[in-house]
Amino acid sequence: MPLISGLRSTSVWKAFFLNSIASTLVIFIAINVKSRFDKFTYKKDPDKEIVRTTNWQSVVLTLISTFTASMIAFSVMYFVFGFGGGMIVNPGD
């Protein structure tokens, strides 16, 4: 039983809206985690350019945290709005 029952995926626009909320949460967390683990260095040029370097540790941690964030976001969306119930397939199909 969802906490907010008036906003279920009963139309295409409501489904798009709910999916946009879930996607925004996941992307926001992924970008913040990636920027946290990337390394920023300043060049000693007159331009004062900032160089961003990505290593494998940053990539792996970003993938793991994005997966975790998506599982949490979709679970919260399910419990709050009942979102995702239409993705369940009958075993015989």
C-alpha atoms as a PDB file:
ATOM      1  CA  MET A   1       0.000   0.000   0.000  1.00  0.00           C
ATOM      2  CA  PRO A   2       1.694   3.233  -1.126  1.00  0.00           C
ATOM      3  CA  LEU A   3       1.880   6.237   1.187  1.00  0.00           C
ATOM      4  CA  ILE A   4       0.675   8.592  -1.560  1.00  0.00           C
ATOM      5  CA  SER A   5      -1.973   6.795  -3.570  1.00  0.00           C
ATOM      6  CA  GLY A   6      -3.109   9.671  -5.804  1.00  0.00           C
ATOM      7  CA  LEU A   7       0.065   9.652  -7.891  1.00  0.00           C
ATOM      8  CA  ARG A   8       0.264   6.216  -9.481  1.00  0.00           C
ATOM      9  CA  SER A   9       1.403   5.373 -12.995  1.00  0.00           C
ATOM     10  CA  THR A  10      -2.109   5.307 -14.416  1.00  0.00           C
ATOM     11  CA  SER A  11      -1.219   7.436 -17.433  1.00  0.00           C
ATOM     12  CA  VAL A  12       1.838   7.923 -19.581  1.00  0.00           C
ATOM     13  CA  TRP A  13       2.541  11.390 -18.159  1.00  0.00           C
ATOM     14  CA  LYS A  14       2.321  10.226 -14.549  1.00  0.00           C
ATOM     15  CA  ALA A  15       4.665   7.337 -15.344  1.00  0.00           C
ATOM     16  CA  PHE A  16       7.101   9.750 -17.026  1.00  0.00           C
ATOM     17  CA  PHE A  17       6.894  12.086 -14.037  1.00  0.00           C
ATOM     18  CA  LEU A  18       7.574   9.334 -11.505  1.00  0.00           C
ATOM     19  CA  ASN A  19      10.406   7.889 -13.574  1.00  0.00           C
ATOM     20  CA  SER A  20      11.913  11.361 -13.873  1.00  0.00           C
ATOM     21  CA  ILE A  21      11.939  11.683 -10.078  1.00  0.00           C
ATOM     22  CA  ALA A  22      13.717   8.337  -9.701  1.00  0.00           C
ATOM     23  CA  SER A  23      16.188   9.094 -12.505  1.00  0.00           C
ATOM     24  CA  THR A  24      16.980  12.518 -11.085  1.00  0.00           C
ATOM     25  CA  LEU A  25      17.799  11.045  -7.687  1.00  0.00           C
ATOM     26  CA  VAL A  26      20.088   8.410  -9.195  1.00  0.00           C
ATOM     27  CA  ILE A  27      21.890  10.832 -11.530  1.00  0.00           C
ATOM     28  CA  PHE A  28      22.352  13.409  -8.773  1.00  0.00           C
ATOM     29  CA  ILE A  29      23.958  10.840  -6.475  1.00  0.00           C
ATOM     30  CA  ALA A  30      26.140   9.413  -9.278  1.00  0.00           C
ATOM     31  CA  ILE A  31      27.499  12.827 -10.295  1.00  0.00           C
ATOM     32  CA  ASN A  32      28.290  13.774  -6.712  1.00  0.00           C
ATOM     33  CA  VAL A  33      30.023  10.470  -5.993  1.00  0.00           C
ATOM     34  CA  LYS A  34      32.074  10.681  -9.197  1.00  0.00           C
ATOM     35  CA  SER A  35      33.212  14.231  -8.498  1.00  0.00           C
ATOM     36  CA  ARG A  36      34.109  13.188  -4.962  1.00  0.00           C
ATOM     37  CA  PHE A  37      36.456  10.398  -6.122  1.00  0.00           C
ATOM     38  CA  ASP A  38      37.981  12.161  -9.143  1.00  0.00           C
ATOM     39  CA  LYS A  39      41.195  14.081  -8.660  1.00  0.00           C
ATOM     40  CA  PHE A  40      41.389  17.780  -9.455  1.00  0.00           C
ATOM     41  CA  THR A  41      44.792  19.366 -10.052  1.00  0.00           C
ATOM     42  CA  TYR A  42      45.764  22.892 -10.937  1.00  0.00           C
ATOM     43  CA  LYS A  43      48.136  23.496 -13.826  1.00  0.00           C
ATOM     44  CA  LYS A  44      50.851  26.064 -13.266  1.00  0.00           C
ATOM     45  CA  ASP A  45      50.003  27.809 -16.510  1.00  0.00           C
ATOM     46  CA  PRO A  46      48.971  31.438 -16.635  1.00  0.00           C
ATOM     47  CA  ASP A  47      45.451  30.225 -17.449  1.00  0.00           C
ATOM     48  CA  LYS A  48      45.152  28.446 -14.074  1.00  0.00           C
ATOM     49  CA  GLU A  49      43.457  25.513 -15.770  1.00  0.00           C
ATOM     50  CA  ILE A  50      41.933  22.788 -13.596  1.00  0.00           C
ATOM     51  CA  VAL A  51      42.554  19.232 -14.800  1.00  0.00           C
ATOM     52  CA  ARG A  52      40.223  16.418 -13.771  1.00  0.00           C
ATOM     53  CA  THR A  53      41.604  12.890 -13.805  1.00  0.00           C
ATOM     54  CA  THR A  54      39.599   9.711 -13.404  1.00  0.00           C
ATOM     55  CA  ASN A  55      41.074   6.441 -12.197  1.00  0.00           C
ATOM     56  CA  TRP A  56      39.637   2.926 -12.072  1.00  0.00           C
ATOM     57  CA  GLN A  57      38.826   3.239  -8.408  1.00  0.00           C
ATOM     58  CA  SER A  58      36.618   6.248  -9.171  1.00  0.00           C
ATOM     59  CA  VAL A  59      34.830   4.378 -11.950  1.00  0.00           C
ATOM     60  CA  VAL A  60      34.197   1.245  -9.881  1.00  0.00           C
ATOM     61  CA  LEU A  61      33.017   3.191  -6.833  1.00  0.00           C
ATOM     62  CA  THR A  62      30.742   5.291  -9.032  1.00  0.00           C
ATOM     63  CA  LEU A  63      29.198   2.158 -10.590  1.00  0.00           C
ATOM     64  CA  ILE A  64      28.633   0.539  -7.206  1.00  0.00           C
ATOM     65  CA  SER A  65      27.173   3.670  -5.650  1.00  0.00           C
ATOM     66  CA  THR A  66      24.957   4.311  -8.685  1.00  0.00           C
ATOM     67  CA  PHE A  67      23.581   0.772  -8.516  1.00  0.00           C
ATOM     68  CA  THR A  68      22.968   1.139  -4.786  1.00  0.00           C
ATOM     69  CA  ALA A  69      21.362   4.550  -5.266  1.00  0.00           C
ATOM     70  CA  SER A  70      19.058   3.217  -7.975  1.00  0.00           C
ATOM     71  CA  MET A  71      17.957   0.292  -5.815  1.00  0.00           C
ATOM     72  CA  ILE A  72      17.239   2.652  -2.925  1.00  0.00           C
ATOM     73  CA  ALA A  73      15.520   5.245  -5.138  1.00  0.00           C
ATOM     74  CA  PHE A  74      13.251   2.698  -6.810  1.00  0.00           C
ATOM     75  CA  SER A  75      12.471   1.035  -3.462  1.00  0.00           C
ATOM     76  CA  VAL A  76      11.508   4.383  -1.939  1.00  0.00           C
ATOM     77  CA  MET A  77       9.441   5.226  -5.025  1.00  0.00           C
ATOM     78  CA  TYR A  78       7.676   1.855  -4.672  1.00  0.00           C
ATOM     79  CA  PHE A  79       6.867   2.360  -0.998  1.00  0.00           C
ATOM     80  CA  VAL A  80       5.828   6.005  -1.367  1.00  0.00           C
ATOM     81  CA  PHE A  81       4.015   6.005  -4.721  1.00  0.00           C
ATOM     82  CA  GLY A  82       3.550   2.320  -5.595  1.00  0.00           C
ATOM     83  CA  PHE A  83       5.854   2.928  -8.577  1.00  0.00           C
ATOM     84  CA  GLY A  84       7.202  -0.066 -10.456  1.00  0.00           C
ATOM     85  CA  GLY A  85       4.413  -2.539  -9.849  1.00  0.00           C
ATOM     86  CA  GLY A  86       3.735  -2.640 -13.600  1.00  0.00           C
ATOM     87  CA  MET A  87       7.215  -4.038 -14.193  1.00  0.00           C
ATOM     88  CA  ILE A  88       6.308  -7.371 -12.587  1.00  0.00           C
ATOM     89  CA  VAL A  89       5.826 -10.169 -15.103  1.00  0.00           C
ATOM     90  CA  ASN A  90       3.778 -13.313 -14.538  1.00  0.00           C
ATOM     91  CA  PRO A  91       6.023 -16.407 -14.361  1.00  0.00           C
ATOM     92  CA  GLY A  92       4.116 -18.152 -17.146  1.00  0.00           C
ATOM     93  CA  ASP A  93       4.617 -15.388 -19.725  1.00  0.00           C
END
